[in-house]
Amino acid sequence: MKNMKKIPTFNSEKDEREFWELHDSMEFIDWKEAKKALFPNLKKSTKTISLRLPADMLDKIKIKANTLDIPYQSLIKMVIQRGLQNM
């Protein structure tokens, strides 16, 4: 293993960002020793889909969502999630 430079202490995130914009991390970190990190609390990524619904069904969904004071897309996701749990 080659001698690695010591990562300096930063006073702010801005200082750290500026430092890494000007320096190569290979001088400071032996990436061969890196381990895969897990982040279980990250928000799930979403994927946009196209879903065709009858107009009257969508109107009913929007009215119900409005009475619950939530966006209609959120209501659709809630209904799908409940349906999956009951499968």
N, C-alpha and C. Protein backbone atom coordinates (compact mmCIF):
# COMPACT_ATOMS: atom_id res chain seq x y z
N MET A 1 0.85 -1.19 0.00
CA MET A 1 0.00 0.00 0.00
C MET A 1 0.88 1.24 0.00
N LYS A 2 0.58 2.15 -0.89
CA LYS A 2 1.38 3.38 -0.96
C LYS A 2 0.98 4.33 0.16
N ASN A 3 1.84 5.29 0.45
CA ASN A 3 1.54 6.27 1.50
C ASN A 3 0.44 7.21 1.03
N MET A 4 -0.60 7.27 1.83
CA MET A 4 -1.74 8.13 1.51
C MET A 4 -1.59 9.45 2.25
N LYS A 5 -2.04 10.52 1.61
CA LYS A 5 -2.07 11.82 2.27
C LYS A 5 -3.20 11.82 3.28
N LYS A 6 -3.04 12.62 4.33
CA LYS A 6 -4.08 12.73 5.35
C LYS A 6 -5.15 13.70 4.88
N ILE A 7 -6.42 13.30 5.03
CA ILE A 7 -7.54 14.17 4.67
C ILE A 7 -7.61 15.28 5.72
N PRO A 8 -7.61 16.54 5.27
CA PRO A 8 -7.65 17.64 6.24
C PRO A 8 -9.00 17.74 6.94
N THR A 9 -9.01 18.47 8.03
CA THR A 9 -10.25 18.77 8.74
C THR A 9 -10.85 20.02 8.09
N PHE A 10 -12.15 19.98 7.84
CA PHE A 10 -12.80 21.09 7.16
C PHE A 10 -13.67 21.86 8.14
N ASN A 11 -13.75 23.16 7.93
CA ASN A 11 -14.58 24.02 8.79
C ASN A 11 -16.03 24.05 8.35
N SER A 12 -16.27 23.69 7.09
CA SER A 12 -17.65 23.72 6.59
C SER A 12 -17.76 22.76 5.42
N GLU A 13 -18.99 22.45 5.07
CA GLU A 13 -19.24 21.60 3.91
C GLU A 13 -18.75 22.28 2.64
N LYS A 14 -18.89 23.60 2.60
CA LYS A 14 -18.42 24.38 1.44
C LYS A 14 -16.91 24.22 1.27
N ASP A 15 -16.16 24.30 2.38
CA ASP A 15 -14.71 24.12 2.32
C ASP A 15 -14.35 22.72 1.82
N GLU A 16 -15.07 21.73 2.31
CA GLU A 16 -14.80 20.36 1.89
C GLU A 16 -15.10 20.19 0.40
N ARG A 17 -16.21 20.72 -0.05
CA ARG A 17 -16.58 20.62 -1.46
C ARG A 17 -15.51 21.27 -2.35
N GLU A 18 -15.04 22.45 -1.95
CA GLU A 18 -14.01 23.14 -2.73
C GLU A 18 -12.71 22.34 -2.75
N PHE A 19 -12.38 21.72 -1.63
CA PHE A 19 -11.17 20.91 -1.56
C PHE A 19 -11.23 19.76 -2.56
N TRP A 20 -12.35 19.00 -2.55
CA TRP A 20 -12.46 17.83 -3.41
C TRP A 20 -12.61 18.19 -4.88
N GLU A 21 -13.03 19.42 -5.16
CA GLU A 21 -13.08 19.86 -6.55
C GLU A 21 -11.68 20.03 -7.12
N LEU A 22 -10.71 20.26 -6.24
CA LEU A 22 -9.34 20.52 -6.68
C LEU A 22 -8.37 19.37 -6.44
N HIS A 23 -8.80 18.33 -5.71
CA HIS A 23 -7.90 17.22 -5.36
C HIS A 23 -8.47 15.88 -5.80
N ASP A 24 -7.59 14.98 -6.15
CA ASP A 24 -7.97 13.62 -6.54
C ASP A 24 -8.04 12.75 -5.29
N SER A 25 -9.17 12.09 -5.09
CA SER A 25 -9.34 11.27 -3.89
C SER A 25 -8.37 10.10 -3.85
N MET A 26 -7.81 9.70 -5.00
CA MET A 26 -6.87 8.58 -5.04
C MET A 26 -5.61 8.87 -4.21
N GLU A 27 -5.31 10.14 -3.98
CA GLU A 27 -4.15 10.50 -3.17
C GLU A 27 -4.43 10.32 -1.68
N PHE A 28 -5.71 10.22 -1.31
CA PHE A 28 -6.10 10.22 0.10
C PHE A 28 -6.78 8.92 0.55
N ILE A 29 -7.34 8.18 -0.40
CA ILE A 29 -8.12 7.00 -0.06
C ILE A 29 -7.68 5.82 -0.91
N ASP A 30 -7.46 4.68 -0.27
CA ASP A 30 -7.14 3.45 -1.00
C ASP A 30 -8.48 2.78 -1.33
N TRP A 31 -8.97 3.00 -2.55
CA TRP A 31 -10.28 2.51 -2.93
C TRP A 31 -10.35 0.99 -3.02
N LYS A 32 -9.19 0.32 -3.04
CA LYS A 32 -9.19 -1.15 -3.03
C LYS A 32 -9.68 -1.68 -1.68
N GLU A 33 -9.59 -0.86 -0.66
CA GLU A 33 -10.02 -1.24 0.69
C GLU A 33 -11.47 -0.84 0.96
N ALA A 34 -12.10 -0.18 0.01
CA ALA A 34 -13.48 0.31 0.21
C ALA A 34 -14.45 -0.86 0.33
N LYS A 35 -15.47 -0.67 1.13
CA LYS A 35 -16.51 -1.68 1.31
C LYS A 35 -17.83 -1.09 0.86
N LYS A 36 -18.72 -1.95 0.38
CA LYS A 36 -20.03 -1.52 -0.06
C LYS A 36 -20.82 -0.99 1.13
N ALA A 37 -21.45 0.15 0.95
CA ALA A 37 -22.24 0.77 2.02
C ALA A 37 -23.73 0.54 1.76
N LEU A 38 -24.47 0.33 2.83
CA LEU A 38 -25.92 0.20 2.74
C LEU A 38 -26.56 1.39 3.44
N PHE A 39 -27.59 1.94 2.85
CA PHE A 39 -28.30 3.08 3.41
C PHE A 39 -29.79 2.74 3.50
N PRO A 40 -30.18 2.00 4.53
CA PRO A 40 -31.57 1.51 4.61
C PRO A 40 -32.62 2.59 4.81
N ASN A 41 -32.24 3.77 5.25
CA ASN A 41 -33.23 4.82 5.52
C ASN A 41 -33.41 5.81 4.38
N LEU A 42 -32.76 5.53 3.25
CA LEU A 42 -32.94 6.43 2.11
C LEU A 42 -34.33 6.26 1.52
N LYS A 43 -34.85 7.34 1.00
CA LYS A 43 -36.16 7.30 0.37
C LYS A 43 -36.08 6.45 -0.90
N LYS A 44 -37.07 5.62 -1.11
CA LYS A 44 -37.09 4.77 -2.29
C LYS A 44 -37.13 5.61 -3.55
N SER A 45 -36.40 5.15 -4.56
CA SER A 45 -36.47 5.86 -5.83
C SER A 45 -37.79 5.52 -6.51
N THR A 46 -38.27 6.41 -7.32
CA THR A 46 -39.54 6.21 -7.99
C THR A 46 -39.32 6.16 -9.50
N LYS A 47 -40.26 5.58 -10.17
CA LYS A 47 -40.22 5.49 -11.62
C LYS A 47 -41.55 5.99 -12.16
N THR A 48 -41.50 6.84 -13.14
CA THR A 48 -42.71 7.38 -13.74
C THR A 48 -43.30 6.35 -14.70
N ILE A 49 -44.62 6.16 -14.58
CA ILE A 49 -45.32 5.26 -15.49
C ILE A 49 -46.50 6.00 -16.10
N SER A 50 -47.03 5.44 -17.16
CA SER A 50 -48.24 5.97 -17.77
C SER A 50 -49.35 4.96 -17.50
N LEU A 51 -50.45 5.44 -16.97
CA LEU A 51 -51.56 4.57 -16.61
C LEU A 51 -52.84 5.17 -17.17
N ARG A 52 -53.52 4.41 -18.01
CA ARG A 52 -54.77 4.90 -18.60
C ARG A 52 -55.93 4.43 -17.72
N LEU A 53 -56.72 5.39 -17.27
CA LEU A 53 -57.90 5.12 -16.45
C LEU A 53 -59.12 5.73 -17.12
N PRO A 54 -60.28 5.11 -16.95
CA PRO A 54 -61.49 5.76 -17.45
C PRO A 54 -61.66 7.12 -16.77
N ALA A 55 -62.12 8.09 -17.53
CA ALA A 55 -62.24 9.46 -17.01
C ALA A 55 -63.09 9.52 -15.76
N ASP A 56 -64.20 8.77 -15.73
CA ASP A 56 -65.07 8.83 -14.55
C ASP A 56 -64.39 8.23 -13.32
N MET A 57 -63.54 7.20 -13.52
CA MET A 57 -62.80 6.63 -12.40
C MET A 57 -61.80 7.64 -11.85
N LEU A 58 -61.10 8.32 -12.73
CA LEU A 58 -60.12 9.32 -12.30
C LEU A 58 -60.82 10.46 -11.56
N ASP A 59 -61.99 10.86 -12.05
CA ASP A 59 -62.76 11.91 -11.37
C ASP A 59 -63.12 11.48 -9.95
N LYS A 60 -63.56 10.24 -9.78
CA LYS A 60 -63.90 9.73 -8.45
C LYS A 60 -62.68 9.69 -7.53
N ILE A 61 -61.55 9.29 -8.10
CA ILE A 61 -60.31 9.25 -7.32
C ILE A 61 -59.94 10.66 -6.86
N LYS A 62 -60.04 11.62 -7.75
CA LYS A 62 -59.69 13.01 -7.40
C LYS A 62 -60.64 13.57 -6.34
N ILE A 63 -61.93 13.25 -6.45
CA ILE A 63 -62.89 13.72 -5.44
C ILE A 63 -62.57 13.11 -4.08
N LYS A 64 -62.30 11.79 -4.05
CA LYS A 64 -61.97 11.12 -2.79
C LYS A 64 -60.68 11.69 -2.19
N ALA A 65 -59.68 11.88 -3.04
CA ALA A 65 -58.40 12.44 -2.57
C ALA A 65 -58.62 13.83 -1.99
N ASN A 66 -59.45 14.61 -2.63
CA ASN A 66 -59.74 15.97 -2.15
C ASN A 66 -60.38 15.93 -0.76
N THR A 67 -61.31 14.97 -0.54
CA THR A 67 -61.94 14.88 0.78
C THR A 67 -60.93 14.45 1.85
N LEU A 68 -59.90 13.69 1.43
CA LEU A 68 -58.85 13.27 2.37
C LEU A 68 -57.73 14.29 2.47
N ASP A 69 -57.79 15.33 1.65
CA ASP A 69 -56.78 16.40 1.60
C ASP A 69 -55.39 15.85 1.28
N ILE A 70 -55.36 14.97 0.28
CA ILE A 70 -54.08 14.43 -0.21
C ILE A 70 -54.08 14.50 -1.73
N PRO A 71 -52.90 14.52 -2.34
CA PRO A 71 -52.85 14.49 -3.81
C PRO A 71 -53.42 13.17 -4.34
N TYR A 72 -54.09 13.24 -5.48
CA TYR A 72 -54.73 12.03 -5.99
C TYR A 72 -53.73 10.94 -6.35
N GLN A 73 -52.51 11.33 -6.75
CA GLN A 73 -51.49 10.32 -7.05
C GLN A 73 -51.12 9.55 -5.77
N SER A 74 -51.09 10.25 -4.64
CA SER A 74 -50.79 9.60 -3.37
C SER A 74 -51.89 8.61 -3.00
N LEU A 75 -53.13 8.99 -3.26
CA LEU A 75 -54.24 8.08 -2.99
C LEU A 75 -54.12 6.82 -3.85
N ILE A 76 -53.80 6.99 -5.11
CA ILE A 76 -53.63 5.83 -5.99
C ILE A 76 -52.54 4.91 -5.45
N LYS A 77 -51.41 5.48 -5.03
CA LYS A 77 -50.32 4.66 -4.47
C LYS A 77 -50.77 3.95 -3.20
N MET A 78 -51.54 4.62 -2.36
CA MET A 78 -52.02 3.99 -1.12
C MET A 78 -52.93 2.80 -1.43
N VAL A 79 -53.82 2.97 -2.39
CA VAL A 79 -54.75 1.90 -2.75
C VAL A 79 -53.98 0.71 -3.34
N ILE A 80 -53.01 0.99 -4.20
CA ILE A 80 -52.20 -0.09 -4.78
C ILE A 80 -51.43 -0.82 -3.67
N GLN A 81 -50.83 -0.07 -2.73
CA GLN A 81 -50.07 -0.68 -1.64
C GLN A 81 -50.96 -1.59 -0.80
N ARG A 82 -52.16 -1.13 -0.46
CA ARG A 82 -53.09 -1.94 0.32
C ARG A 82 -53.46 -3.21 -0.45
N GLY A 83 -53.69 -3.06 -1.74
CA GLY A 83 -54.02 -4.23 -2.57
C GLY A 83 -52.89 -5.24 -2.59
N LEU A 84 -51.64 -4.76 -2.68
CA LEU A 84 -50.50 -5.67 -2.67
C LEU A 84 -50.38 -6.40 -1.34
N GLN A 85 -50.67 -5.71 -0.25
CA GLN A 85 -50.57 -6.35 1.07
C GLN A 85 -51.63 -7.42 1.25
N ASN A 86 -52.76 -7.28 0.58
CA ASN A 86 -53.85 -8.24 0.69
C ASN A 86 -53.77 -9.39 -0.29
N MET A 87 -52.75 -9.41 -1.13
CA MET A 87 -52.60 -10.48 -2.13
C MET A 87 -52.15 -11.77 -1.48
